[in-house]
Amino acid sequence: LIADPDRVILLAHRDGALIGCVQVARVGDDLAYLGMLTVEPTLQTSGLGRRLLAAAESEAVARFGARRMEPIQIFAASAASSARRTLYAQSS
């Protein structure tokens, strides 16, 4: 991930401490994915998430020439467990 030229992780620091991050990944010629948006819980509702999103959009345009951005879809643990159980039941 660190050496992948099609991905970048933007970090937010305050007083030397990591307080937030967001990943941007090139998917196609004009499409980038946004993921792993994380904000220190005590700073949620502070606007940091909005600033990280804005930085991710700017980075996607500047680095990858993206004109569109989509969120990376991650299943909730319960949904993934349910899907695994369904697949297991179908294969039995």
Protein backbone atom coordinates (compact mmCIF):
# COMPACT_ATOMS: atom_id res chain seq x y z
CA LEU A 1 0.00 0.00 0.00
CA ILE A 2 2.74 2.45 0.92
CA ALA A 3 4.69 1.93 -2.32
CA ASP A 4 1.60 1.72 -4.58
CA PRO A 5 1.66 4.74 -6.94
CA ASP A 6 -2.12 4.47 -7.37
CA ARG A 7 -2.84 5.06 -3.67
CA VAL A 8 -2.12 7.78 -1.17
CA ILE A 9 -3.01 8.15 2.49
CA LEU A 10 -3.40 11.69 3.76
CA LEU A 11 -2.67 12.17 7.45
CA ALA A 12 -3.80 14.92 9.82
CA HIS A 13 -1.61 15.67 12.83
CA ARG A 14 -1.95 17.98 15.82
CA ASP A 15 0.96 18.53 18.18
CA GLY A 16 2.70 15.48 16.73
CA ALA A 17 -0.28 13.16 17.27
CA LEU A 18 -2.21 11.52 14.44
CA ILE A 19 -5.80 12.79 14.58
CA GLY A 20 -7.22 11.65 11.24
CA CYS A 21 -6.58 10.07 7.87
CA VAL A 22 -8.15 9.28 4.52
CA GLN A 23 -7.09 7.08 1.62
CA VAL A 24 -7.42 8.01 -2.05
CA ALA A 25 -6.94 5.36 -4.75
CA ARG A 26 -6.90 5.65 -8.53
CA VAL A 27 -9.38 3.20 -10.06
CA GLY A 28 -9.57 4.32 -13.68
CA ASP A 29 -8.70 7.17 -15.98
CA ASP A 30 -11.04 9.60 -14.27
CA LEU A 31 -12.23 7.73 -11.16
CA ALA A 32 -10.77 7.64 -7.66
CA TYR A 33 -11.97 5.79 -4.59
CA LEU A 34 -12.12 7.35 -1.16
CA GLY A 35 -11.74 5.17 1.91
CA MET A 36 -10.47 4.70 5.43
CA LEU A 37 -11.73 8.11 6.52
CA THR A 38 -10.95 8.22 10.22
CA VAL A 39 -11.17 11.04 12.75
CA GLU A 40 -10.07 10.95 16.38
CA PRO A 41 -13.33 10.37 18.30
CA THR A 42 -12.86 13.43 20.51
CA LEU A 43 -12.58 15.59 17.37
CA GLN A 44 -15.64 14.28 15.58
CA THR A 45 -18.06 17.14 14.76
CA SER A 46 -15.06 19.53 14.69
CA GLY A 47 -15.02 19.79 10.88
CA LEU A 48 -11.86 17.68 10.55
CA GLY A 49 -13.69 15.05 8.51
CA ARG A 50 -14.91 17.71 6.06
CA ARG A 51 -11.36 19.06 5.73
CA LEU A 52 -9.99 15.57 5.11
CA LEU A 53 -12.65 14.98 2.42
CA ALA A 54 -11.77 18.28 0.75
CA ALA A 55 -8.07 17.39 0.84
CA ALA A 56 -8.84 13.95 -0.61
CA GLU A 57 -10.81 15.49 -3.47
CA SER A 58 -8.00 17.95 -4.22
CA GLU A 59 -5.41 15.17 -4.11
CA ALA A 60 -7.48 12.94 -6.42
CA VAL A 61 -7.64 15.72 -9.00
CA ALA A 62 -4.01 16.83 -8.67
CA ARG A 63 -2.36 13.40 -8.43
CA PHE A 64 -4.65 11.18 -10.49
CA GLY A 65 -6.58 13.57 -12.75
CA ALA A 66 -9.82 12.24 -11.27
CA ARG A 67 -13.10 13.85 -12.24
CA ARG A 68 -15.21 11.49 -10.12
CA MET A 69 -14.83 10.04 -6.64
CA GLU A 70 -16.70 7.16 -5.02
CA PRO A 71 -16.49 5.71 -1.53
CA ILE A 72 -14.94 2.27 -1.08
CA GLN A 73 -17.77 -0.03 -0.07
CA ILE A 74 -17.12 -2.08 3.06
CA PHE A 75 -19.66 -4.53 4.42
CA ALA A 76 -20.53 -4.27 8.07
CA ALA A 77 -19.31 -7.27 10.06
CA SER A 78 -22.82 -8.61 10.52
CA ALA A 79 -23.60 -8.29 6.81
CA ALA A 80 -20.36 -10.04 5.88
CA SER A 81 -21.06 -12.84 8.36
CA SER A 82 -24.54 -13.24 6.96
CA ALA A 83 -23.18 -13.39 3.41
CA ARG A 84 -20.63 -16.05 4.41
CA ARG A 85 -23.33 -18.12 6.09
CA THR A 86 -25.51 -17.89 2.96
CA LEU A 87 -22.63 -18.95 0.69
CA TYR A 88 -21.76 -21.81 3.03
CA ALA A 89 -25.37 -23.00 3.12
CA GLN A 90 -25.58 -22.87 -0.70
CA SER A 91 -22.39 -24.88 -1.14
CA SER A 92 -23.49 -27.65 1.26
